[in-house]
PDB file of N, CA and C in Angstrom:
ATOM      1  N   UNK A   1      92.785 -19.089 125.769  1.00  0.00           N
ATOM      2  CA  UNK A   1      94.106 -19.343 125.208  1.00  0.00           C
ATOM      3  C   UNK A   1      94.630 -18.016 124.657  1.00  0.00           C
ATOM      4  N   UNK A   2      95.852 -17.714 124.983  1.00  0.00           N
ATOM      5  CA  UNK A   2      96.435 -16.441 124.555  1.00  0.00           C
ATOM      6  C   UNK A   2      96.794 -16.497 123.073  1.00  0.00           C
ATOM      7  N   UNK A   3      96.947 -15.310 122.503  1.00  0.00           N
ATOM      8  CA  UNK A   3      97.317 -15.229 121.089  1.00  0.00           C
ATOM      9  C   UNK A   3      98.662 -15.895 120.821  1.00  0.00           C
ATOM     10  N   UNK A   4      99.591 -15.732 121.767  1.00  0.00           N
ATOM     11  CA  UNK A   4     100.917 -16.325 121.592  1.00  0.00           C
ATOM     12  C   UNK A   4     100.839 -17.854 121.610  1.00  0.00           C
ATOM     13  N   UNK A   5     100.029 -18.402 122.490  1.00  0.00           N
ATOM     14  CA  UNK A   5      99.862 -19.857 122.573  1.00  0.00           C
ATOM     15  C   UNK A   5      99.190 -20.388 121.308  1.00  0.00           C
ATOM     16  N   UNK A   6      98.202 -19.657 120.817  1.00  0.00           N
ATOM     17  CA  UNK A   6      97.516 -20.068 119.583  1.00  0.00           C
ATOM     18  C   UNK A   6      98.480 -20.040 118.401  1.00  0.00           C
ATOM     19  N   UNK A   7      99.305 -18.998 118.345  1.00  0.00           N
ATOM     20  CA  UNK A   7     100.278 -18.882 117.265  1.00  0.00           C
ATOM     21  C   UNK A   7     101.288 -20.036 117.332  1.00  0.00           C
ATOM     22  N   UNK A   8     101.763 -20.340 118.528  1.00  0.00           N
ATOM     23  CA  UNK A   8     102.704 -21.448 118.705  1.00  0.00           C
ATOM     24  C   UNK A   8     102.063 -22.763 118.267  1.00  0.00           C
ATOM     25  N   UNK A   9     100.815 -22.964 118.658  1.00  0.00           N
ATOM     26  CA  UNK A   9     100.105 -24.190 118.277  1.00  0.00           C
ATOM     27  C   UNK A   9      99.971 -24.287 116.759  1.00  0.00           C
ATOM     28  N   UNK A  10      99.657 -23.182 116.104  1.00  0.00           N
ATOM     29  CA  UNK A  10      99.535 -23.179 114.644  1.00  0.00           C
ATOM     30  C   UNK A  10     100.879 -23.447 113.974  1.00  0.00           C
ATOM     31  N   UNK A  11     101.958 -22.903 114.535  1.00  0.00           N
ATOM     32  CA  UNK A  11     103.284 -23.140 113.973  1.00  0.00           C
ATOM     33  C   UNK A  11     103.678 -24.607 114.094  1.00  0.00           C
ATOM     34  N   UNK A  12     103.365 -25.214 115.234  1.00  0.00           N
ATOM     35  CA  UNK A  12     103.648 -26.642 115.427  1.00  0.00           C
ATOM     36  C   UNK A  12     102.843 -27.460 114.423  1.00  0.00           C
ATOM     37  N   UNK A  13     101.576 -27.145 114.277  1.00  0.00           N
ATOM     38  CA  UNK A  13     100.719 -27.859 113.335  1.00  0.00           C
ATOM     39  C   UNK A  13     101.252 -27.719 111.906  1.00  0.00           C
ATOM     40  N   UNK A  14     101.653 -26.511 111.525  1.00  0.00           N
ATOM     41  CA  UNK A  14     102.192 -26.296 110.177  1.00  0.00           C
ATOM     42  C   UNK A  14     103.476 -27.099 109.967  1.00  0.00           C
ATOM     43  N   UNK A  15     104.331 -27.159 110.978  1.00  0.00           N
ATOM     44  CA  UNK A  15     105.577 -27.926 110.866  1.00  0.00           C
ATOM     45  C   UNK A  15     105.286 -29.416 110.721  1.00  0.00           C
ATOM     46  N   UNK A  16     104.331 -29.932 111.473  1.00  0.00           N
ATOM     47  CA  UNK A  16     103.955 -31.344 111.381  1.00  0.00           C
ATOM     48  C   UNK A  16     103.384 -31.668 110.003  1.00  0.00           C
ATOM     49  N   UNK A  17     102.558 -30.763 109.488  1.00  0.00           N
ATOM     50  CA  UNK A  17     101.975 -30.980 108.163  1.00  0.00           C
ATOM     51  C   UNK A  17     103.048 -30.938 107.078  1.00  0.00           C
ATOM     52  N   UNK A  18     104.001 -30.041 107.218  1.00  0.00           N
ATOM     53  CA  UNK A  18     105.094 -29.956 106.251  1.00  0.00           C
ATOM     54  C   UNK A  18     105.905 -31.251 106.244  1.00  0.00           C
ATOM     55  N   UNK A  19     106.165 -31.797 107.426  1.00  0.00           N
ATOM     56  CA  UNK A  19     106.895 -33.070 107.535  1.00  0.00           C
ATOM     57  C   UNK A  19     106.096 -34.195 106.882  1.00  0.00           C
ATOM     58  N   UNK A  20     104.800 -34.241 107.158  1.00  0.00           N
ATOM     59  CA  UNK A  20     103.945 -35.285 106.586  1.00  0.00           C
ATOM     60  C   UNK A  20     103.912 -35.186 105.064  1.00  0.00           C
ATOM     61  N   UNK A  21     103.784 -33.980 104.544  1.00  0.00           N
ATOM     62  CA  UNK A  21     103.757 -33.783 103.090  1.00  0.00           C
ATOM     63  C   UNK A  21     105.074 -34.240 102.474  1.00  0.00           C
ATOM     64  N   UNK A  22     106.180 -33.929 103.114  1.00  0.00           N
ATOM     65  CA  UNK A  22     107.488 -34.341 102.616  1.00  0.00           C
ATOM     66  C   UNK A  22     107.609 -35.863 102.597  1.00  0.00           C
ATOM     67  N   UNK A  23     107.171 -36.508 103.669  1.00  0.00           N
ATOM     68  CA  UNK A  23     107.223 -37.968 103.731  1.00  0.00           C
ATOM     69  C   UNK A  23     106.344 -38.600 102.655  1.00  0.00           C
ATOM     70  N   UNK A  24     105.153 -38.062 102.464  1.00  0.00           N
ATOM     71  CA  UNK A  24     104.255 -38.595 101.433  1.00  0.00           C
ATOM     72  C   UNK A  24     104.839 -38.399 100.042  1.00  0.00           C
ATOM     73  N   UNK A  25     105.467 -37.272  99.818  1.00  0.00           N
ATOM     74  CA  UNK A  25     106.098 -36.997  98.529  1.00  0.00           C
ATOM     75  C   UNK A  25     107.204 -38.006  98.246  1.00  0.00           C
ATOM     76  N   UNK A  26     107.994 -38.323  99.257  1.00  0.00           N
ATOM     77  CA  UNK A  26     109.057 -39.318  99.090  1.00  0.00           C
ATOM     78  C   UNK A  26     108.474 -40.698  98.789  1.00  0.00           C
ATOM     79  N   UNK A  27     107.397 -41.047  99.478  1.00  0.00           N
ATOM     80  CA  UNK A  27     106.768 -42.344  99.229  1.00  0.00           C
ATOM     81  C   UNK A  27     106.219 -42.425  97.809  1.00  0.00           C
ATOM     82  N   UNK A  28     105.622 -41.357  97.344  1.00  0.00           N
ATOM     83  CA  UNK A  28     105.084 -41.341  95.980  1.00  0.00           C
ATOM     84  C   UNK A  28     106.208 -41.487  94.963  1.00  0.00           C
ATOM     85  N   UNK A  29     107.315 -40.801  95.192  1.00  0.00           N
ATOM     86  CA  UNK A  29     108.460 -40.914  94.290  1.00  0.00           C
ATOM     87  C   UNK A  29     108.970 -42.354  94.244  1.00  0.00           C
ATOM     88  N   UNK A  30     109.055 -43.007  95.389  1.00  0.00           N
ATOM     89  CA  UNK A  30     109.479 -44.412  95.444  1.00  0.00           C
ATOM     90  C   UNK A  30     108.497 -45.306  94.692  1.00  0.00           C
ATOM     91  N   UNK A  31     107.212 -45.056  94.881  1.00  0.00           N
ATOM     92  CA  UNK A  31     106.200 -45.870  94.211  1.00  0.00           C
ATOM     93  C   UNK A  31     106.262 -45.690  92.697  1.00  0.00           C
ATOM     94  N   UNK A  32     106.506 -44.476  92.224  1.00  0.00           N
ATOM     95  CA  UNK A  32     106.618 -44.254  90.781  1.00  0.00           C
ATOM     96  C   UNK A  32     107.813 -45.000  90.209  1.00  0.00           C
ATOM     97  N   UNK A  33     108.919 -45.034  90.962  1.00  0.00           N
ATOM     98  CA  UNK A  33     110.090 -45.799  90.513  1.00  0.00           C
ATOM     99  C   UNK A  33     109.723 -47.273  90.377  1.00  0.00           C
ATOM    100  N   UNK A  34     109.003 -47.790  91.372  1.00  0.00           N
ATOM    101  CA  UNK A  34     108.585 -49.194  91.343  1.00  0.00           C
ATOM    102  C   UNK A  34     107.632 -49.449  90.182  1.00  0.00           C
ATOM    103  N   UNK A  35     106.693 -48.557  89.977  1.00  0.00           N
ATOM    104  CA  UNK A  35     105.736 -48.710  88.876  1.00  0.00           C
ATOM    105  C   UNK A  35     106.454 -48.697  87.531  1.00  0.00           C
ATOM    106  N   UNK A  36     107.387 -47.774  87.353  1.00  0.00           N
ATOM    107  CA  UNK A  36     108.145 -47.716  86.096  1.00  0.00           C
ATOM    108  C   UNK A  36     108.923 -49.008  85.861  1.00  0.00           C
ATOM    109  N   UNK A  37     109.557 -49.510  86.921  1.00  0.00           N
ATOM    110  CA  UNK A  37     110.324 -50.749  86.829  1.00  0.00           C
ATOM    111  C   UNK A  37     109.411 -51.915  86.453  1.00  0.00           C
ATOM    112  N   UNK A  38     108.265 -52.013  87.106  1.00  0.00           N
ATOM    113  CA  UNK A  38     107.317 -53.091  86.811  1.00  0.00           C
ATOM    114  C   UNK A  38     106.755 -52.967  85.396  1.00  0.00           C
ATOM    115  N   UNK A  39     106.515 -51.746  84.942  1.00  0.00           N
ATOM    116  CA  UNK A  39     105.998 -51.541  83.582  1.00  0.00           C
ATOM    117  C   UNK A  39     107.014 -52.006  82.549  1.00  0.00           C
ATOM    118  N   UNK A  40     108.299 -51.705  82.775  1.00  0.00           N
ATOM    119  CA  UNK A  40     109.344 -52.166  81.845  1.00  0.00           C
ATOM    120  C   UNK A  40     109.408 -53.692  81.813  1.00  0.00           C
ATOM    121  N   UNK A  41     109.292 -54.313  82.990  1.00  0.00           N
ATOM    122  CA  UNK A  41     109.305 -55.771  83.048  1.00  0.00           C
ATOM    123  C   UNK A  41     108.094 -56.361  82.322  1.00  0.00           C
ATOM    124  N   UNK A  42     106.936 -55.757  82.543  1.00  0.00           N
ATOM    125  CA  UNK A  42     105.724 -56.239  81.882  1.00  0.00           C
ATOM    126  C   UNK A  42     105.839 -56.109  80.366  1.00  0.00           C
ATOM    127  N   UNK A  43     106.358 -54.978  79.911  1.00  0.00           N
ATOM    128  CA  UNK A  43     106.540 -54.787  78.466  1.00  0.00           C
ATOM    129  C   UNK A  43     107.481 -55.836  77.883  1.00  0.00           C
ATOM    130  N   UNK A  44     108.588 -56.115  78.599  1.00  0.00           N
ATOM    131  CA  UNK A  44     109.540 -57.119  78.124  1.00  0.00           C
ATOM    132  C   UNK A  44     108.906 -58.506  78.102  1.00  0.00           C
ATOM    133  N   UNK A  45     108.155 -58.837  79.137  1.00  0.00           N
ATOM    134  CA  UNK A  45     107.497 -60.148  79.182  1.00  0.00           C
ATOM    135  C   UNK A  45     106.432 -60.276  78.099  1.00  0.00           C
ATOM    136  N   UNK A  46     105.704 -59.207  77.853  1.00  0.00           N
ATOM    137  CA  UNK A  46     104.683 -59.230  76.804  1.00  0.00           C
ATOM    138  C   UNK A  46     105.326 -59.447  75.445  1.00  0.00           C
ATOM    139  N   UNK A  47     106.416 -58.743  75.201  1.00  0.00           N
ATOM    140  CA  UNK A  47     107.121 -58.902  73.924  1.00  0.00           C
ATOM    141  C   UNK A  47     107.652 -60.326  73.779  1.00  0.00           C
ATOM    142  N   UNK A  48     108.226 -60.855  74.844  1.00  0.00           N
ATOM    143  CA  UNK A  48     108.755 -62.222  74.803  1.00  0.00           C
ATOM    144  C   UNK A  48     107.637 -63.235  74.590  1.00  0.00           C
ATOM    145  N   UNK A  49     106.514 -63.037  75.257  1.00  0.00           N
ATOM    146  CA  UNK A  49     105.370 -63.941  75.093  1.00  0.00           C
ATOM    147  C   UNK A  49     104.897 -63.939  73.640  1.00  0.00           C
ATOM    148  N   UNK A  50     104.784 -62.756  73.041  1.00  0.00           N
ATOM    149  CA  UNK A  50     104.327 -62.684  71.659  1.00  0.00           C
ATOM    150  C   UNK A  50     105.314 -63.351  70.705  1.00  0.00           C
ATOM    151  N   UNK A  51     106.609 -63.198  70.986  1.00  0.00           N
ATOM    152  CA  UNK A  51     107.615 -63.873  70.163  1.00  0.00           C
ATOM    153  C   UNK A  51     107.473 -65.386  70.276  1.00  0.00           C
ATOM    154  N   UNK A  52     107.316 -65.893  71.494  1.00  0.00           N
ATOM    155  CA  UNK A  52     107.168 -67.334  71.690  1.00  0.00           C
ATOM    156  C   UNK A  52     105.886 -67.852  71.059  1.00  0.00           C
ATOM    157  N   UNK A  53     104.843 -67.063  71.153  1.00  0.00           N
ATOM    158  CA  UNK A  53     103.566 -67.466  70.555  1.00  0.00           C
ATOM    159  C   UNK A  53     103.706 -67.585  69.037  1.00  0.00           C
ATOM    160  N   UNK A  54     104.415 -66.658  68.425  1.00  0.00           N
ATOM    161  CA  UNK A  54     104.635 -66.718  66.975  1.00  0.00           C
ATOM    162  C   UNK A  54     105.448 -67.947  66.600  1.00  0.00           C
ATOM    163  N   UNK A  55     106.462 -68.244  67.393  1.00  0.00           N
ATOM    164  CA  UNK A  55     107.313 -69.397  67.106  1.00  0.00           C
ATOM    165  C   UNK A  55     106.558 -70.712  67.289  1.00  0.00           C
ATOM    166  N   UNK A  56     105.652 -70.752  68.226  1.00  0.00           N
ATOM    167  CA  UNK A  56     104.930 -71.986  68.543  1.00  0.00           C
ATOM    168  C   UNK A  56     103.938 -72.371  67.454  1.00  0.00           C
ATOM    169  N   UNK A  57     103.334 -71.399  66.814  1.00  0.00           N
ATOM    170  CA  UNK A  57     102.318 -71.724  65.802  1.00  0.00           C
ATOM    171  C   UNK A  57     102.415 -70.769  64.610  1.00  0.00           C
ATOM    172  N   UNK A  58     103.494 -70.853  63.856  1.00  0.00           N
ATOM    173  CA  UNK A  58     103.657 -69.922  62.741  1.00  0.00           C
ATOM    174  C   UNK A  58     102.754 -70.234  61.553  1.00  0.00           C
ATOM    175  N   UNK A  59     102.288 -71.483  61.422  1.00  0.00           N
ATOM    176  CA  UNK A  59     101.513 -71.862  60.243  1.00  0.00           C
ATOM    177  C   UNK A  59     100.011 -71.900  60.481  1.00  0.00           C
ATOM    178  N   UNK A  60      99.552 -71.439  61.616  1.00  0.00           N
ATOM    179  CA  UNK A  60      98.123 -71.470  61.884  1.00  0.00           C
ATOM    180  C   UNK A  60      97.484 -70.286  61.174  1.00  0.00           C
ATOM    181  N   UNK A  61      96.605 -70.544  60.237  1.00  0.00           N
ATOM    182  CA  UNK A  61      95.973 -69.430  59.510  1.00  0.00           C
ATOM    183  C   UNK A  61      94.916 -68.739  60.383  1.00  0.00           C
ATOM    184  N   UNK A  62      94.785 -67.485  60.180  1.00  0.00           N
ATOM    185  CA  UNK A  62      93.759 -66.731  60.900  1.00  0.00           C
ATOM    186  C   UNK A  62      92.538 -66.704  59.994  1.00  0.00           C
ATOM    187  N   UNK A  63      91.499 -67.441  60.406  1.00  0.00           N
ATOM    188  CA  UNK A  63      90.279 -67.510  59.621  1.00  0.00           C
ATOM    189  C   UNK A  63      89.097 -67.227  60.503  1.00  0.00           C
ATOM    190  N   UNK A  64      87.997 -66.855  59.868  1.00  0.00           N
ATOM    191  CA  UNK A  64      86.775 -66.623  60.610  1.00  0.00           C
ATOM    192  C   UNK A  64      86.135 -67.961  60.963  1.00  0.00           C
ATOM    193  N   UNK A  65      85.488 -68.032  62.117  1.00  0.00           N
ATOM    194  CA  UNK A  65      84.767 -69.254  62.461  1.00  0.00           C
ATOM    195  C   UNK A  65      83.665 -69.536  61.431  1.00  0.00           C
ATOM    196  N   UNK A  66      83.248 -70.807  61.310  1.00  0.00           N
ATOM    197  CA  UNK A  66      82.259 -71.174  60.290  1.00  0.00           C
ATOM    198  C   UNK A  66      80.916 -70.435  60.441  1.00  0.00           C
ATOM    199  N   UNK A  67      80.575 -70.033  61.610  1.00  0.00           N
ATOM    200  CA  UNK A  67      79.260 -69.390  61.795  1.00  0.00           C
ATOM    201  C   UNK A  67      79.264 -67.922  61.378  1.00  0.00           C
ATOM    202  N   UNK A  68      80.378 -67.382  60.898  1.00  0.00           N
ATOM    203  CA  UNK A  68      80.400 -65.971  60.488  1.00  0.00           C
ATOM    204  C   UNK A  68      79.960 -65.850  59.075  1.00  0.00           C
TER     205      UNK A  68
END
């Protein structure tokens, strides 16, 4: 294989890798957006659950079990 052919092959490989890296970077950015969105939803649901739990049993005392 000539030096010119090897160089061309390496340039093609580098271009393909650059494209792949760019695509993966975009996918990661999309996934982080989704993760952030889901985390905000989870935080809101957790807060709402704790509020409902407090409303459901406000007079239940927190005591140690008898075996303690």
